[in-house]
N, C-alpha and C. Protein backbone atom coordinates (compact mmCIF):
# COMPACT_ATOMS: atom_id res chain seq x y z
N MET A 1 -10.07 23.43 -5.37
CA MET A 1 -9.62 23.49 -4.07
C MET A 1 -10.02 24.81 -3.51
N ASP A 2 -11.06 25.42 -3.89
CA ASP A 2 -11.52 26.64 -3.49
C ASP A 2 -12.37 26.42 -2.00
N TRP A 3 -12.48 25.28 -1.58
CA TRP A 3 -13.09 24.84 -0.39
C TRP A 3 -12.14 24.68 0.73
N LEU A 4 -10.79 24.66 0.29
CA LEU A 4 -9.75 24.25 1.39
C LEU A 4 -8.79 25.51 1.50
N GLN A 5 -8.20 25.66 2.57
CA GLN A 5 -7.11 26.64 2.98
C GLN A 5 -5.87 26.05 3.65
N ARG A 6 -4.84 26.37 3.39
CA ARG A 6 -3.58 25.88 3.97
C ARG A 6 -3.34 26.60 5.29
N THR A 7 -3.34 25.77 6.42
CA THR A 7 -2.92 26.16 7.75
C THR A 7 -2.21 25.41 8.47
N ASN A 8 -1.02 25.88 9.00
CA ASN A 8 -0.01 25.24 9.78
C ASN A 8 0.49 23.94 8.92
N GLY A 9 0.67 24.07 7.79
CA GLY A 9 1.18 22.94 6.83
C GLY A 9 0.04 21.91 6.54
N PHE A 10 -1.21 22.14 6.97
CA PHE A 10 -2.38 21.18 6.56
C PHE A 10 -3.33 21.85 5.83
N TRP A 11 -4.02 21.13 4.95
CA TRP A 11 -5.06 21.55 4.33
C TRP A 11 -6.49 21.39 4.97
N GLN A 12 -7.07 22.57 5.36
CA GLN A 12 -8.31 22.35 6.18
C GLN A 12 -9.41 22.95 5.35
N ILE A 13 -10.67 22.64 5.67
CA ILE A 13 -11.81 23.12 5.04
C ILE A 13 -11.95 24.68 5.51
N LYS A 14 -12.05 25.53 4.50
CA LYS A 14 -12.18 27.11 4.66
C LYS A 14 -13.29 27.42 5.77
N ASP A 15 -14.39 27.12 5.37
CA ASP A 15 -15.67 27.56 6.21
C ASP A 15 -16.19 26.39 6.97
N LEU A 16 -15.79 26.08 8.20
CA LEU A 16 -16.31 25.06 8.84
C LEU A 16 -17.77 25.07 9.14
N SER A 17 -18.26 26.41 9.30
CA SER A 17 -19.72 26.57 9.65
C SER A 17 -20.47 26.15 8.58
N VAL A 18 -20.07 26.23 7.36
CA VAL A 18 -21.08 25.91 6.15
C VAL A 18 -21.03 24.24 6.21
N ALA A 19 -20.06 23.48 6.45
CA ALA A 19 -19.95 22.08 6.49
C ALA A 19 -20.23 21.40 7.76
N ASN A 20 -20.27 22.51 8.71
CA ASN A 20 -20.50 22.05 10.25
C ASN A 20 -19.38 21.05 10.78
N VAL A 21 -18.23 21.12 9.98
CA VAL A 21 -17.15 20.31 10.39
C VAL A 21 -16.46 20.72 11.62
N LYS A 22 -15.91 20.07 12.38
CA LYS A 22 -15.25 20.56 13.79
C LYS A 22 -13.77 20.55 13.38
N PRO A 23 -13.13 21.65 13.90
CA PRO A 23 -11.59 21.82 13.66
C PRO A 23 -10.94 20.61 14.54
N PHE A 24 -9.64 20.71 14.29
CA PHE A 24 -8.83 19.74 15.04
C PHE A 24 -8.93 20.11 16.50
N LEU A 25 -9.01 19.21 17.33
CA LEU A 25 -9.08 19.47 18.78
C LEU A 25 -7.92 19.96 19.44
N ASP A 26 -7.94 20.62 20.57
CA ASP A 26 -6.76 21.13 21.39
C ASP A 26 -6.17 19.72 22.05
N GLU A 27 -5.01 19.79 22.42
CA GLU A 27 -4.41 18.64 22.87
C GLU A 27 -4.94 17.91 24.05
N SER A 28 -5.45 18.71 25.07
CA SER A 28 -6.00 17.91 26.23
C SER A 28 -7.42 17.23 25.94
N VAL A 29 -8.14 17.93 25.10
CA VAL A 29 -9.26 17.30 24.61
C VAL A 29 -9.09 16.11 23.85
N PHE A 30 -8.19 16.18 22.79
CA PHE A 30 -7.85 15.03 21.92
C PHE A 30 -7.24 13.87 22.60
N LYS A 31 -6.51 14.17 23.75
CA LYS A 31 -5.82 13.27 24.40
C LYS A 31 -6.93 12.39 25.15
N ALA A 32 -8.00 13.16 25.70
CA ALA A 32 -9.16 12.37 26.35
C ALA A 32 -9.95 11.60 25.45
N VAL A 33 -10.09 12.23 24.16
CA VAL A 33 -10.82 11.30 23.19
C VAL A 33 -10.02 9.96 22.85
N ILE A 34 -8.74 10.05 22.62
CA ILE A 34 -7.97 8.90 22.33
C ILE A 34 -8.13 7.89 23.27
N ASP A 35 -8.02 8.44 24.68
CA ASP A 35 -8.11 7.58 25.79
C ASP A 35 -9.54 6.82 26.09
N ASN A 36 -10.52 7.51 25.51
CA ASN A 36 -11.99 7.04 25.68
C ASN A 36 -12.67 6.61 24.46
N ALA A 37 -12.05 6.73 23.33
CA ALA A 37 -13.05 6.34 22.20
C ALA A 37 -12.09 5.85 20.91
N PRO A 38 -12.61 5.17 20.03
CA PRO A 38 -12.03 4.72 18.80
C PRO A 38 -11.83 6.04 17.94
N LEU A 39 -10.81 6.15 17.08
CA LEU A 39 -10.68 7.15 16.07
C LEU A 39 -11.05 6.73 14.70
N ILE A 40 -11.81 7.34 14.02
CA ILE A 40 -12.21 7.02 12.70
C ILE A 40 -11.12 7.57 11.58
N SER A 41 -10.79 6.64 10.72
CA SER A 41 -9.81 7.23 9.74
C SER A 41 -9.69 6.43 8.45
N ILE A 42 -8.86 6.99 7.53
CA ILE A 42 -8.77 6.54 6.11
C ILE A 42 -7.42 6.26 6.09
N ASP A 43 -7.06 5.09 5.51
CA ASP A 43 -5.55 4.66 5.10
C ASP A 43 -5.64 4.61 3.53
N LEU A 44 -4.51 4.98 2.84
CA LEU A 44 -4.31 4.81 1.49
C LEU A 44 -3.31 3.91 1.13
N VAL A 45 -3.56 2.86 0.43
CA VAL A 45 -2.68 2.08 -0.36
C VAL A 45 -2.29 2.70 -1.52
N VAL A 46 -1.39 3.38 -1.85
CA VAL A 46 -0.98 4.25 -3.01
C VAL A 46 0.07 3.39 -3.80
N ARG A 47 -0.49 3.18 -5.10
CA ARG A 47 0.38 2.49 -6.09
C ARG A 47 0.62 3.50 -7.15
N ASN A 48 1.85 3.10 -7.83
CA ASN A 48 2.38 3.82 -8.98
C ASN A 48 1.99 2.90 -10.19
N ALA A 49 2.36 3.40 -11.36
CA ALA A 49 1.93 2.78 -12.70
C ALA A 49 2.63 1.26 -12.65
N SER A 50 3.74 1.08 -12.10
CA SER A 50 4.35 -0.17 -11.92
C SER A 50 3.70 -1.26 -11.00
N GLY A 51 2.80 -0.64 -10.11
CA GLY A 51 2.18 -1.57 -9.09
C GLY A 51 2.89 -1.43 -7.73
N GLU A 52 3.95 -0.60 -7.57
CA GLU A 52 4.61 -0.50 -6.28
C GLU A 52 3.86 0.26 -5.33
N VAL A 53 3.98 0.07 -4.19
CA VAL A 53 3.22 0.78 -2.99
C VAL A 53 4.17 1.75 -2.38
N LEU A 54 3.54 3.01 -2.10
CA LEU A 54 4.23 4.14 -1.42
C LEU A 54 4.16 3.99 0.01
N LEU A 55 5.03 3.94 0.76
CA LEU A 55 5.16 3.94 2.29
C LEU A 55 6.05 5.24 2.77
N GLY A 56 5.60 5.56 3.95
CA GLY A 56 6.44 6.71 4.62
C GLY A 56 6.82 6.23 5.84
N GLN A 57 7.96 6.66 6.24
CA GLN A 57 8.54 6.30 7.63
C GLN A 57 7.99 7.33 8.55
N ARG A 58 7.27 6.72 9.66
CA ARG A 58 6.38 7.64 10.34
C ARG A 58 7.50 8.37 11.55
N LEU A 59 7.06 9.62 11.73
CA LEU A 59 7.86 10.44 12.58
C LEU A 59 7.15 10.39 14.00
N ASN A 60 6.02 10.12 14.19
CA ASN A 60 5.31 10.23 15.56
C ASN A 60 4.64 8.97 15.93
N ARG A 61 4.14 8.82 17.17
CA ARG A 61 3.39 7.66 17.68
C ARG A 61 2.09 7.78 17.09
N PRO A 62 1.30 6.78 17.12
CA PRO A 62 1.84 5.26 17.06
C PRO A 62 2.43 4.94 15.90
N ALA A 63 3.27 3.89 16.03
CA ALA A 63 3.97 3.15 14.80
C ALA A 63 5.14 4.17 14.42
N LYS A 64 5.73 4.88 15.46
CA LYS A 64 6.90 5.75 15.10
C LYS A 64 8.08 4.96 14.71
N GLY A 65 8.57 5.29 13.49
CA GLY A 65 9.80 4.63 12.92
C GLY A 65 9.52 3.57 11.90
N PHE A 66 8.22 3.11 11.94
CA PHE A 66 7.85 2.11 10.99
C PHE A 66 7.52 2.70 9.58
N TRP A 67 7.57 1.91 8.56
CA TRP A 67 7.02 2.25 7.29
C TRP A 67 5.58 2.07 7.28
N PHE A 68 4.80 2.95 6.92
CA PHE A 68 3.47 2.83 7.03
C PHE A 68 2.72 3.54 5.75
N VAL A 69 1.49 3.09 5.28
CA VAL A 69 0.77 3.68 4.33
C VAL A 69 0.24 5.06 4.77
N PRO A 70 0.11 6.04 3.88
CA PRO A 70 -0.39 7.25 4.27
C PRO A 70 -1.85 7.23 4.66
N GLY A 71 -2.36 8.34 5.52
CA GLY A 71 -3.75 8.22 5.82
C GLY A 71 -3.83 9.32 6.94
N GLY A 72 -4.81 9.33 7.39
CA GLY A 72 -5.37 10.13 8.56
C GLY A 72 -6.75 10.04 9.06
N ARG A 73 -7.03 10.84 10.06
CA ARG A 73 -8.40 10.87 10.80
C ARG A 73 -9.38 11.52 10.05
N ILE A 74 -10.61 11.26 10.07
CA ILE A 74 -11.77 11.78 9.63
C ILE A 74 -12.31 12.76 10.72
N LEU A 75 -12.62 14.03 10.31
CA LEU A 75 -13.11 15.04 11.29
C LEU A 75 -14.60 14.87 11.54
N LYS A 76 -15.02 15.31 12.73
CA LYS A 76 -16.53 15.28 13.05
C LYS A 76 -17.22 16.24 12.00
N ASN A 77 -18.40 15.52 11.49
CA ASN A 77 -19.24 16.05 10.45
C ASN A 77 -18.55 16.10 9.12
N GLU A 78 -17.30 15.64 8.86
CA GLU A 78 -16.75 15.59 7.67
C GLU A 78 -17.07 14.42 6.84
N SER A 79 -17.81 14.77 5.73
CA SER A 79 -18.17 13.44 4.83
C SER A 79 -16.91 12.50 4.52
N LEU A 80 -17.02 11.29 4.21
CA LEU A 80 -16.01 10.44 3.79
C LEU A 80 -15.38 10.94 2.59
N SER A 81 -16.24 11.39 1.51
CA SER A 81 -15.64 11.96 0.37
C SER A 81 -14.74 13.15 0.59
N ALA A 82 -15.26 14.11 1.45
CA ALA A 82 -14.48 15.45 1.79
C ALA A 82 -13.25 15.04 2.45
N ALA A 83 -13.16 14.13 3.43
CA ALA A 83 -12.07 13.71 4.23
C ALA A 83 -11.01 12.98 3.17
N PHE A 84 -11.47 12.30 2.36
CA PHE A 84 -10.66 11.58 1.31
C PHE A 84 -9.99 12.66 0.46
N ARG A 85 -10.61 13.73 -0.03
CA ARG A 85 -10.13 14.69 -0.71
C ARG A 85 -8.98 15.51 0.11
N ARG A 86 -9.35 15.90 1.27
CA ARG A 86 -8.35 16.54 2.18
C ARG A 86 -7.09 15.69 2.44
N LEU A 87 -7.32 14.46 2.77
CA LEU A 87 -6.27 13.61 3.16
C LEU A 87 -5.30 13.15 1.94
N THR A 88 -5.88 13.06 0.69
CA THR A 88 -4.97 12.63 -0.25
C THR A 88 -4.22 14.08 -0.69
N LEU A 89 -4.81 15.23 -0.40
CA LEU A 89 -4.05 16.47 -0.80
C LEU A 89 -2.84 16.74 0.41
N ASN A 90 -3.30 16.41 1.79
CA ASN A 90 -2.36 16.55 2.79
C ASN A 90 -1.17 15.37 2.67
N GLU A 91 -1.67 14.24 2.35
CA GLU A 91 -0.70 13.10 2.52
C GLU A 91 0.17 13.03 1.09
N LEU A 92 -0.48 13.18 0.04
CA LEU A 92 0.20 12.96 -1.25
C LEU A 92 0.42 14.14 -2.14
N GLY A 93 -0.05 15.35 -1.70
CA GLY A 93 0.28 16.63 -2.41
C GLY A 93 -0.61 16.67 -3.70
N VAL A 94 -1.68 15.83 -3.76
CA VAL A 94 -2.60 15.77 -4.98
C VAL A 94 -4.01 15.48 -4.52
N GLU A 95 -4.94 16.37 -4.82
CA GLU A 95 -6.37 16.04 -4.35
C GLU A 95 -7.03 14.94 -5.30
N MET A 96 -7.52 13.85 -4.69
CA MET A 96 -8.18 12.78 -5.52
C MET A 96 -9.51 12.65 -4.93
N ASP A 97 -10.44 12.20 -5.83
CA ASP A 97 -11.78 11.91 -5.45
C ASP A 97 -11.99 10.61 -5.14
N ILE A 98 -12.88 10.33 -4.16
CA ILE A 98 -12.91 8.97 -3.62
C ILE A 98 -13.56 7.92 -4.65
N VAL A 99 -14.22 8.51 -5.74
CA VAL A 99 -14.63 7.53 -6.78
C VAL A 99 -13.54 7.10 -7.63
N THR A 100 -12.46 7.49 -7.48
CA THR A 100 -11.21 7.05 -8.19
C THR A 100 -10.66 5.79 -7.43
N ALA A 101 -11.11 5.72 -6.28
CA ALA A 101 -10.36 4.72 -5.42
C ALA A 101 -11.13 3.33 -5.41
N ARG A 102 -10.42 2.29 -5.00
CA ARG A 102 -10.90 0.98 -4.73
C ARG A 102 -11.02 0.90 -3.17
N TYR A 103 -12.22 0.51 -2.62
CA TYR A 103 -12.57 0.23 -1.29
C TYR A 103 -11.92 -1.14 -0.90
N LEU A 104 -10.88 -1.08 0.00
CA LEU A 104 -10.30 -2.48 0.52
C LEU A 104 -10.98 -3.02 1.64
N GLY A 105 -11.82 -2.16 2.48
CA GLY A 105 -12.47 -2.84 3.58
C GLY A 105 -12.38 -1.91 4.97
N LEU A 106 -12.78 -2.33 5.90
CA LEU A 106 -12.85 -1.79 7.18
C LEU A 106 -11.82 -2.51 8.20
N TYR A 107 -10.93 -1.93 8.80
CA TYR A 107 -9.84 -2.51 9.56
C TYR A 107 -9.82 -1.77 10.98
N GLU A 108 -9.32 -2.66 12.03
CA GLU A 108 -9.11 -2.13 13.28
C GLU A 108 -7.75 -2.15 13.57
N HIS A 109 -7.17 -1.08 14.25
CA HIS A 109 -5.57 -1.02 14.55
C HIS A 109 -5.73 -0.60 16.07
N PHE A 110 -4.93 -1.45 16.76
CA PHE A 110 -4.78 -1.28 18.14
C PHE A 110 -3.33 -1.03 18.41
N TYR A 111 -2.99 -0.01 19.18
CA TYR A 111 -1.67 0.29 19.66
C TYR A 111 -1.60 0.61 21.02
N ALA A 112 -0.44 0.23 21.70
CA ALA A 112 -0.18 0.34 23.21
C ALA A 112 0.09 1.93 23.46
N ASP A 113 0.46 2.60 22.55
CA ASP A 113 0.79 4.06 22.69
C ASP A 113 -0.03 4.97 22.03
N CYS A 114 0.16 6.31 22.05
CA CYS A 114 -0.62 7.39 21.36
C CYS A 114 0.40 8.37 20.87
N VAL A 115 -0.14 9.34 20.13
CA VAL A 115 0.79 10.54 19.85
C VAL A 115 1.32 11.39 20.83
N PHE A 116 0.71 11.31 22.19
CA PHE A 116 1.20 12.06 23.20
C PHE A 116 2.03 11.36 24.11
N THR A 117 2.22 10.11 23.96
CA THR A 117 3.14 9.20 24.66
C THR A 117 4.71 9.61 24.49
N LYS A 118 5.28 10.01 25.61
CA LYS A 118 6.82 10.43 25.57
C LYS A 118 7.58 9.14 26.07
N ASP A 119 8.78 9.09 25.63
CA ASP A 119 9.59 8.06 25.84
C ASP A 119 9.77 7.90 27.40
N SER A 120 9.82 9.04 28.15
CA SER A 120 10.11 9.04 29.56
C SER A 120 8.80 9.03 30.37
N SER A 121 7.65 9.00 29.80
CA SER A 121 6.40 9.05 30.36
C SER A 121 6.02 7.74 30.99
N ALA A 122 5.33 7.77 32.13
CA ALA A 122 4.80 6.58 32.87
C ALA A 122 3.38 6.62 32.14
N GLU A 123 2.75 7.60 31.74
CA GLU A 123 1.36 7.59 31.43
C GLU A 123 1.29 6.75 30.01
N LYS A 124 0.31 5.79 30.17
CA LYS A 124 0.29 5.09 28.99
C LYS A 124 -1.20 5.11 28.36
N ILE A 125 -1.43 5.66 27.39
CA ILE A 125 -2.76 5.82 26.59
C ILE A 125 -2.58 5.08 25.41
N SER A 126 -3.45 3.88 25.22
CA SER A 126 -3.47 3.25 23.97
C SER A 126 -4.38 3.90 22.98
N THR A 127 -4.19 3.61 21.62
CA THR A 127 -4.90 4.18 20.49
C THR A 127 -5.66 3.06 19.71
N HIS A 128 -6.97 3.32 19.36
CA HIS A 128 -7.80 2.21 18.82
C HIS A 128 -8.23 3.09 17.41
N TYR A 129 -7.92 2.58 16.35
CA TYR A 129 -8.33 3.26 15.04
C TYR A 129 -9.36 2.22 14.38
N VAL A 130 -10.43 2.72 14.00
CA VAL A 130 -11.28 2.25 13.00
C VAL A 130 -11.03 2.85 11.65
N VAL A 131 -10.50 1.91 10.65
CA VAL A 131 -9.88 2.40 9.55
C VAL A 131 -10.56 1.93 8.16
N ASN A 132 -11.03 2.93 7.30
CA ASN A 132 -11.35 2.51 6.17
C ASN A 132 -10.19 2.63 4.96
N GLY A 133 -9.94 1.34 4.69
CA GLY A 133 -8.77 1.21 3.52
C GLY A 133 -9.22 1.31 2.21
N PHE A 134 -8.40 2.24 1.57
CA PHE A 134 -8.70 2.58 0.07
C PHE A 134 -7.36 2.39 -0.66
N GLU A 135 -7.51 1.86 -1.89
CA GLU A 135 -6.29 1.83 -2.91
C GLU A 135 -6.59 2.88 -3.85
N VAL A 136 -5.28 3.61 -4.19
CA VAL A 136 -5.51 4.50 -5.34
C VAL A 136 -4.20 4.34 -6.15
N ILE A 137 -4.33 4.76 -7.27
CA ILE A 137 -3.19 4.77 -8.25
C ILE A 137 -2.71 6.47 -8.41
N LEU A 138 -1.64 6.66 -8.05
CA LEU A 138 -1.05 7.96 -8.03
C LEU A 138 -0.79 8.41 -9.51
N PRO A 139 -1.31 9.35 -10.03
CA PRO A 139 -1.24 9.67 -11.54
C PRO A 139 0.11 10.05 -11.70
N ASP A 140 0.81 10.62 -11.00
CA ASP A 140 2.37 11.23 -11.20
C ASP A 140 3.14 10.92 -10.05
N GLU A 141 4.23 10.19 -10.14
CA GLU A 141 5.07 9.91 -8.95
C GLU A 141 5.89 11.11 -8.52
N ASN A 142 6.07 12.15 -9.32
CA ASN A 142 6.82 13.37 -9.06
C ASN A 142 6.06 14.37 -8.29
N VAL A 143 5.35 13.93 -7.36
CA VAL A 143 4.52 14.82 -6.47
C VAL A 143 5.49 15.41 -5.23
N SER A 144 4.94 16.38 -4.53
CA SER A 144 5.76 16.90 -3.50
C SER A 144 5.13 16.39 -2.28
N LEU A 145 5.79 15.33 -1.70
CA LEU A 145 5.22 14.68 -0.47
C LEU A 145 5.62 15.50 0.88
N PRO A 146 4.54 15.56 1.79
CA PRO A 146 4.90 16.33 2.76
C PRO A 146 5.73 15.56 3.80
N ASN A 147 6.41 16.43 4.80
CA ASN A 147 7.13 15.63 5.77
C ASN A 147 6.74 16.03 7.29
N ILE A 148 5.32 15.99 7.35
CA ILE A 148 4.89 16.20 8.63
C ILE A 148 4.56 14.98 9.45
N GLN A 149 4.10 14.03 8.93
CA GLN A 149 3.94 12.62 9.40
C GLN A 149 5.03 11.63 8.97
N HIS A 150 5.62 11.77 8.11
CA HIS A 150 6.70 10.93 7.26
C HIS A 150 7.83 11.79 7.05
N ASP A 151 8.99 11.25 7.44
CA ASP A 151 10.30 11.94 6.92
C ASP A 151 10.87 11.52 5.71
N THR A 152 10.55 10.27 5.34
CA THR A 152 11.14 9.66 4.18
C THR A 152 10.06 8.87 3.48
N TYR A 153 10.05 8.87 2.23
CA TYR A 153 9.07 7.90 1.45
C TYR A 153 9.88 6.98 0.46
N LYS A 154 9.24 5.94 0.32
CA LYS A 154 9.98 4.79 -0.54
C LYS A 154 8.83 3.95 -1.35
N TRP A 155 9.11 3.48 -2.44
CA TRP A 155 8.28 2.75 -3.31
C TRP A 155 8.62 1.30 -2.95
N PHE A 156 7.68 0.45 -2.64
CA PHE A 156 8.02 -0.94 -2.19
C PHE A 156 7.08 -1.80 -3.12
N THR A 157 7.72 -2.96 -3.55
CA THR A 157 7.00 -4.09 -4.09
C THR A 157 6.11 -4.74 -3.01
N GLU A 158 5.09 -5.43 -3.49
CA GLU A 158 4.34 -6.10 -2.37
C GLU A 158 5.06 -7.03 -1.65
N SER A 159 5.91 -7.79 -2.33
CA SER A 159 6.87 -8.75 -1.76
C SER A 159 7.87 -8.12 -0.73
N GLU A 160 8.33 -7.06 -1.13
CA GLU A 160 9.29 -6.35 -0.24
C GLU A 160 8.64 -5.87 1.10
N LEU A 161 7.42 -5.25 0.87
CA LEU A 161 6.74 -4.61 2.13
C LEU A 161 6.47 -5.84 3.04
N LEU A 162 5.92 -6.81 2.59
CA LEU A 162 5.29 -8.03 3.26
C LEU A 162 6.49 -8.80 3.93
N ASN A 163 7.76 -8.67 3.44
CA ASN A 163 8.74 -9.41 4.10
C ASN A 163 9.68 -8.43 4.82
N SER A 164 9.51 -7.35 5.01
CA SER A 164 10.23 -6.36 5.80
C SER A 164 9.68 -6.31 7.19
N GLU A 165 10.72 -6.43 8.05
CA GLU A 165 10.31 -6.05 9.50
C GLU A 165 9.98 -4.64 9.87
N LYS A 166 10.48 -3.87 8.94
CA LYS A 166 10.34 -2.40 9.33
C LYS A 166 9.10 -1.76 8.76
N VAL A 167 8.38 -2.65 8.09
CA VAL A 167 6.90 -2.36 7.58
C VAL A 167 5.95 -2.76 8.68
N HIS A 168 5.13 -1.79 9.32
CA HIS A 168 4.27 -2.10 10.31
C HIS A 168 3.33 -3.09 9.89
N ASP A 169 2.84 -4.03 10.88
CA ASP A 169 1.84 -5.14 10.57
C ASP A 169 0.66 -4.57 9.78
N HIS A 170 0.17 -3.37 10.42
CA HIS A 170 -0.99 -2.75 10.14
C HIS A 170 -1.12 -2.37 8.69
N SER A 171 0.01 -1.99 8.08
CA SER A 171 0.16 -1.67 6.78
C SER A 171 0.13 -2.87 5.85
N LYS A 172 0.79 -4.19 6.36
CA LYS A 172 0.80 -5.26 5.66
C LYS A 172 -0.59 -6.00 5.49
N TRP A 173 -1.39 -5.77 6.53
CA TRP A 173 -2.74 -6.30 6.57
C TRP A 173 -3.61 -5.90 5.18
N TYR A 174 -3.37 -4.80 4.70
CA TYR A 174 -4.12 -4.31 3.34
C TYR A 174 -3.86 -5.37 2.26
N PHE A 175 -2.85 -6.26 2.34
CA PHE A 175 -2.52 -7.22 1.37
C PHE A 175 -2.88 -8.67 1.82
N ASP A 176 -3.63 -8.76 2.83
CA ASP A 176 -4.01 -10.10 3.42
C ASP A 176 -5.40 -10.22 3.48
N LYS A 177 -5.94 -10.93 2.59
CA LYS A 177 -7.39 -11.05 2.52
C LYS A 177 -8.20 -11.69 3.78
N ASP A 178 -7.38 -12.13 4.77
CA ASP A 178 -7.89 -12.68 6.00
C ASP A 178 -8.13 -11.54 7.09
N LYS A 179 -7.60 -10.39 6.83
CA LYS A 179 -7.57 -9.26 7.65
C LYS A 179 -8.70 -8.34 7.19
N GLY A 180 -9.24 -7.60 8.17
CA GLY A 180 -10.25 -6.65 7.85
C GLY A 180 -11.61 -7.19 7.77
N PHE A 181 -12.54 -6.17 7.66
CA PHE A 181 -13.99 -6.72 7.49
C PHE A 181 -14.34 -6.19 6.16
N LEU A 182 -15.55 -6.83 5.70
CA LEU A 182 -16.21 -6.46 4.31
C LEU A 182 -15.52 -7.17 3.08
């Protein structure tokens, strides 16, 4: 982990100039990107040794309040494998290598709102994600899970998550072979 540093609760690449990775954008620029372009991301179907799936209850938009798989955006010039390591560390508290994961496919998620939408706001910016889905086995269930994106975590059986109205449809898609591409 000598290539990462903790900043504002997130693990980030220490020397962005070496990797030429762009840092997180300021709010106004990021808002314009969301309004005009799709975001590229990684979602993680995280299983334990019993085959249950880890979901977190989302704190922010889009999908606020729903149970959702962990994941996050890929940064500009960040390789898929570097993003995977950063996101597993940020979302699961343990750094994992992409070669340990099973690729589930490519998915598109469309939302009517975005992270900047306020309940009282008349401004409506939609969000479009192009998502690389991966499945991983969490080596130890007793990890320290962050509460930045999700406030509560729970292990679900596939049947429980597929039948729950509180689990977002986009998370359910990873268990439906008719969804996604590839």
